[in-house]
Amino acid sequence: MRCARIHSLLHTGFCLLFGTGCEATVDPRIGLDCQHVDIQITAGPSPTFSWTPPCRMGQLEVVHWSTSDYAWHLRSDSMITTGLRYGETPPTVAELVSATPLVVGDSYFVRVGRLQVGVSPPEYEDIWAEFFVP
């Protein structure tokens, strides 16, 4: 908790000093700062992606590391919740690229992002990415 407070203070100072990167990062639905999340990935060819804090995301991408091709790509108006199993698209989420079978032993990364408020057309800001090998 102390690290989160220090991060929050540093972020506020940066905003005041440079006047950039100051958009709200607190998710009002859960009352948590969603500027940074830690991603956990279960092992195997159909991993589950979880993150803390449990912020709702607007985008989730699984990308093959060596080809940069999408293995799975989801978008929503911030309705993607933690605990999402690979290939299981929730009904309120748009699947831009259908899940393709993950190749065991190949490297991938998962990236989550949030929908930027008040931007037209909609834009997504990457929050965090994590590498994994199924």
C-alpha atoms as a PDB file:
ATOM      1  CA  MET A   1       0.000   0.000   0.000  1.00  0.00           C
ATOM      2  CA  ARG A   2       2.871   2.343   0.802  1.00  0.00           C
ATOM      3  CA  CYS A   3       4.346   1.896  -2.702  1.00  0.00           C
ATOM      4  CA  ALA A   4       0.968   2.728  -4.235  1.00  0.00           C
ATOM      5  CA  ARG A   5       0.823   5.959  -2.217  1.00  0.00           C
ATOM      6  CA  ILE A   6       4.352   6.921  -3.241  1.00  0.00           C
ATOM      7  CA  HIS A   7       3.495   6.182  -6.893  1.00  0.00           C
ATOM      8  CA  SER A   8       0.367   8.331  -6.567  1.00  0.00           C
ATOM      9  CA  LEU A   9       2.345  11.224  -5.074  1.00  0.00           C
ATOM     10  CA  LEU A  10       5.007  10.995  -7.792  1.00  0.00           C
ATOM     11  CA  HIS A  11       2.307  10.904 -10.484  1.00  0.00           C
ATOM     12  CA  THR A  12       0.608  13.979  -9.008  1.00  0.00           C
ATOM     13  CA  GLY A  13       3.935  15.829  -8.865  1.00  0.00           C
ATOM     14  CA  PHE A  14       4.695  14.938 -12.473  1.00  0.00           C
ATOM     15  CA  CYS A  15       1.254  16.232 -13.514  1.00  0.00           C
ATOM     16  CA  LEU A  16       1.721  19.501 -11.682  1.00  0.00           C
ATOM     17  CA  LEU A  17       5.250  20.020 -12.988  1.00  0.00           C
ATOM     18  CA  PHE A  18       4.733  19.045 -16.640  1.00  0.00           C
ATOM     19  CA  GLY A  19       0.959  19.325 -17.091  1.00  0.00           C
ATOM     20  CA  THR A  20       0.717  16.032 -18.961  1.00  0.00           C
ATOM     21  CA  GLY A  21      -0.451  12.526 -18.198  1.00  0.00           C
ATOM     22  CA  CYS A  22      -2.949  13.896 -15.693  1.00  0.00           C
ATOM     23  CA  GLU A  23      -6.143  12.229 -16.811  1.00  0.00           C
ATOM     24  CA  ALA A  24      -8.086  10.509 -14.073  1.00  0.00           C
ATOM     25  CA  THR A  25      -6.743   7.035 -13.363  1.00  0.00           C
ATOM     26  CA  VAL A  26      -9.174   6.051 -10.606  1.00  0.00           C
ATOM     27  CA  ASP A  27     -11.870   3.653 -11.744  1.00  0.00           C
ATOM     28  CA  PRO A  28     -14.995   5.056 -10.048  1.00  0.00           C
ATOM     29  CA  ARG A  29     -16.717   1.649 -10.150  1.00  0.00           C
ATOM     30  CA  ILE A  30     -14.184   0.143  -7.761  1.00  0.00           C
ATOM     31  CA  GLY A  31     -12.452   3.222  -6.320  1.00  0.00           C
ATOM     32  CA  LEU A  32      -8.959   2.007  -7.224  1.00  0.00           C
ATOM     33  CA  ASP A  33      -6.129   3.635  -9.148  1.00  0.00           C
ATOM     34  CA  CYS A  34      -5.895   1.864 -12.499  1.00  0.00           C
ATOM     35  CA  GLN A  35      -2.772   3.537 -13.899  1.00  0.00           C
ATOM     36  CA  HIS A  36      -0.794   0.311 -13.399  1.00  0.00           C
ATOM     37  CA  VAL A  37      -1.902  -3.282 -12.983  1.00  0.00           C
ATOM     38  CA  ASP A  38       0.006  -6.478 -12.278  1.00  0.00           C
ATOM     39  CA  ILE A  39      -0.919  -9.301 -14.667  1.00  0.00           C
ATOM     40  CA  GLN A  40      -0.963 -12.955 -13.646  1.00  0.00           C
ATOM     41  CA  ILE A  41      -1.151 -15.703 -16.300  1.00  0.00           C
ATOM     42  CA  THR A  42      -1.884 -19.355 -15.651  1.00  0.00           C
ATOM     43  CA  ALA A  43       0.173 -22.036 -17.421  1.00  0.00           C
ATOM     44  CA  GLY A  44      -0.932 -24.023 -20.444  1.00  0.00           C
ATOM     45  CA  PRO A  45      -2.341 -23.516 -23.942  1.00  0.00           C
ATOM     46  CA  SER A  46      -5.575 -21.895 -22.632  1.00  0.00           C
ATOM     47  CA  PRO A  47      -4.300 -19.536 -19.923  1.00  0.00           C
ATOM     48  CA  THR A  48      -6.416 -17.333 -17.695  1.00  0.00           C
ATOM     49  CA  PHE A  49      -5.440 -13.646 -17.525  1.00  0.00           C
ATOM     50  CA  SER A  50      -5.985 -11.894 -14.208  1.00  0.00           C
ATOM     51  CA  TRP A  51      -4.809  -8.521 -12.964  1.00  0.00           C
ATOM     52  CA  THR A  52      -4.686  -6.538  -9.763  1.00  0.00           C
ATOM     53  CA  PRO A  53      -6.169  -4.185  -8.906  1.00  0.00           C
ATOM     54  CA  PRO A  54      -9.315  -5.617 -10.548  1.00  0.00           C
ATOM     55  CA  CYS A  55      -9.841  -2.669 -12.907  1.00  0.00           C
ATOM     56  CA  ARG A  56     -12.176  -3.002 -15.874  1.00  0.00           C
ATOM     57  CA  MET A  57     -10.281  -2.738 -19.128  1.00  0.00           C
ATOM     58  CA  GLY A  58     -11.285  -1.537 -22.567  1.00  0.00           C
ATOM     59  CA  GLN A  59      -8.831  -3.682 -24.497  1.00  0.00           C
ATOM     60  CA  LEU A  60      -6.993  -6.981 -24.207  1.00  0.00           C
ATOM     61  CA  GLU A  61      -4.504  -8.174 -26.803  1.00  0.00           C
ATOM     62  CA  VAL A  62      -2.565 -11.420 -26.999  1.00  0.00           C
ATOM     63  CA  VAL A  63       0.271 -11.044 -29.500  1.00  0.00           C
ATOM     64  CA  HIS A  64       2.777 -13.586 -30.836  1.00  0.00           C
ATOM     65  CA  TRP A  65       6.210 -12.226 -29.933  1.00  0.00           C
ATOM     66  CA  SER A  66       8.204 -13.205 -33.044  1.00  0.00           C
ATOM     67  CA  THR A  67       5.558 -12.432 -35.697  1.00  0.00           C
ATOM     68  CA  SER A  68       3.726  -9.532 -33.965  1.00  0.00           C
ATOM     69  CA  ASP A  69       0.467 -11.151 -35.135  1.00  0.00           C
ATOM     70  CA  TYR A  70      -2.595 -11.008 -32.920  1.00  0.00           C
ATOM     71  CA  ALA A  71      -3.493 -14.341 -31.379  1.00  0.00           C
ATOM     72  CA  TRP A  72      -6.591 -12.732 -29.807  1.00  0.00           C
ATOM     73  CA  HIS A  73      -7.842  -9.140 -29.639  1.00  0.00           C
ATOM     74  CA  LEU A  74     -10.777  -7.848 -27.596  1.00  0.00           C
ATOM     75  CA  ARG A  75     -12.292  -4.360 -27.193  1.00  0.00           C
ATOM     76  CA  SER A  76     -15.081  -2.977 -25.079  1.00  0.00           C
ATOM     77  CA  ASP A  77     -16.229   0.195 -23.392  1.00  0.00           C
ATOM     78  CA  SER A  78     -14.247  -0.811 -20.290  1.00  0.00           C
ATOM     79  CA  MET A  79     -16.158  -4.005 -19.586  1.00  0.00           C
ATOM     80  CA  ILE A  80     -13.287  -6.506 -19.778  1.00  0.00           C
ATOM     81  CA  THR A  81     -12.871  -7.915 -16.294  1.00  0.00           C
ATOM     82  CA  THR A  82     -10.049  -9.796 -14.617  1.00  0.00           C
ATOM     83  CA  GLY A  83     -10.051 -13.603 -14.717  1.00  0.00           C
ATOM     84  CA  LEU A  84     -10.552 -13.944 -18.467  1.00  0.00           C
ATOM     85  CA  ARG A  85      -9.752 -17.365 -19.972  1.00  0.00           C
ATOM     86  CA  TYR A  86      -8.064 -17.406 -23.382  1.00  0.00           C
ATOM     87  CA  GLY A  87     -10.600 -17.756 -26.187  1.00  0.00           C
ATOM     88  CA  GLU A  88     -13.694 -17.218 -24.007  1.00  0.00           C
ATOM     89  CA  THR A  89     -15.059 -13.851 -25.164  1.00  0.00           C
ATOM     90  CA  PRO A  90     -17.703 -12.349 -22.834  1.00  0.00           C
ATOM     91  CA  PRO A  91     -20.972 -11.396 -24.577  1.00  0.00           C
ATOM     92  CA  THR A  92     -20.492  -7.657 -23.878  1.00  0.00           C
ATOM     93  CA  VAL A  93     -17.038  -7.606 -25.503  1.00  0.00           C
ATOM     94  CA  ALA A  94     -16.171  -7.234 -29.207  1.00  0.00           C
ATOM     95  CA  GLU A  95     -13.768  -9.840 -30.550  1.00  0.00           C
ATOM     96  CA  LEU A  96     -11.684  -8.040 -33.198  1.00  0.00           C
ATOM     97  CA  VAL A  97      -9.464 -11.082 -33.772  1.00  0.00           C
ATOM     98  CA  SER A  98     -10.737 -14.533 -32.853  1.00  0.00           C
ATOM     99  CA  ALA A  99      -8.485 -16.606 -30.629  1.00  0.00           C
ATOM    100  CA  THR A 100      -6.091 -18.838 -32.530  1.00  0.00           C
ATOM    101  CA  PRO A 101      -4.469 -21.867 -30.870  1.00  0.00           C
ATOM    102  CA  LEU A 102      -1.398 -20.862 -28.871  1.00  0.00           C
ATOM    103  CA  VAL A 103       1.766 -22.732 -29.832  1.00  0.00           C
ATOM    104  CA  VAL A 104       3.301 -24.398 -26.774  1.00  0.00           C
ATOM    105  CA  GLY A 105       6.879 -23.177 -26.391  1.00  0.00           C
ATOM    106  CA  ASP A 106       6.419 -19.954 -28.420  1.00  0.00           C
ATOM    107  CA  SER A 107       6.582 -16.539 -26.742  1.00  0.00           C
ATOM    108  CA  TYR A 108       3.568 -14.232 -26.478  1.00  0.00           C
ATOM    109  CA  PHE A 109       2.607 -11.138 -24.587  1.00  0.00           C
ATOM    110  CA  VAL A 110      -0.721 -10.007 -23.236  1.00  0.00           C
ATOM    111  CA  ARG A 111      -1.447  -6.294 -23.100  1.00  0.00           C
ATOM    112  CA  VAL A 112      -4.365  -4.620 -21.353  1.00  0.00           C
ATOM    113  CA  GLY A 113      -5.543  -1.061 -21.852  1.00  0.00           C
ATOM    114  CA  ARG A 114      -8.275   1.298 -20.808  1.00  0.00           C
ATOM    115  CA  LEU A 115     -10.607   3.426 -22.852  1.00  0.00           C
ATOM    116  CA  GLN A 116      -9.617   7.098 -22.719  1.00  0.00           C
ATOM    117  CA  VAL A 117     -12.513   9.230 -21.559  1.00  0.00           C
ATOM    118  CA  GLY A 118     -13.625  12.193 -23.677  1.00  0.00           C
ATOM    119  CA  VAL A 119     -11.579  11.276 -26.758  1.00  0.00           C
ATOM    120  CA  SER A 120     -13.255  10.989 -30.134  1.00  0.00           C
ATOM    121  CA  PRO A 121     -12.822   8.687 -31.956  1.00  0.00           C
ATOM    122  CA  PRO A 122     -12.291   6.254 -29.041  1.00  0.00           C
ATOM    123  CA  GLU A 123      -8.668   5.573 -28.184  1.00  0.00           C
ATOM    124  CA  TYR A 124      -7.181   2.987 -25.876  1.00  0.00           C
ATOM    125  CA  GLU A 125      -4.259   3.622 -23.562  1.00  0.00           C
ATOM    126  CA  ASP A 126      -2.016   0.652 -22.797  1.00  0.00           C
ATOM    127  CA  ILE A 127      -1.721   0.062 -19.073  1.00  0.00           C
ATOM    128  CA  TRP A 128       0.554  -2.956 -18.809  1.00  0.00           C
ATOM    129  CA  ALA A 129       1.929  -5.937 -20.720  1.00  0.00           C
ATOM    130  CA  GLU A 130       3.308  -9.266 -19.602  1.00  0.00           C
ATOM    131  CA  PHE A 131       5.253 -11.925 -21.525  1.00  0.00           C
ATOM    132  CA  PHE A 132       4.381 -15.593 -21.291  1.00  0.00           C
ATOM    133  CA  VAL A 133       5.141 -18.958 -22.881  1.00  0.00           C
ATOM    134  CA  PRO A 134       2.287 -21.487 -22.961  1.00  0.00           C
END
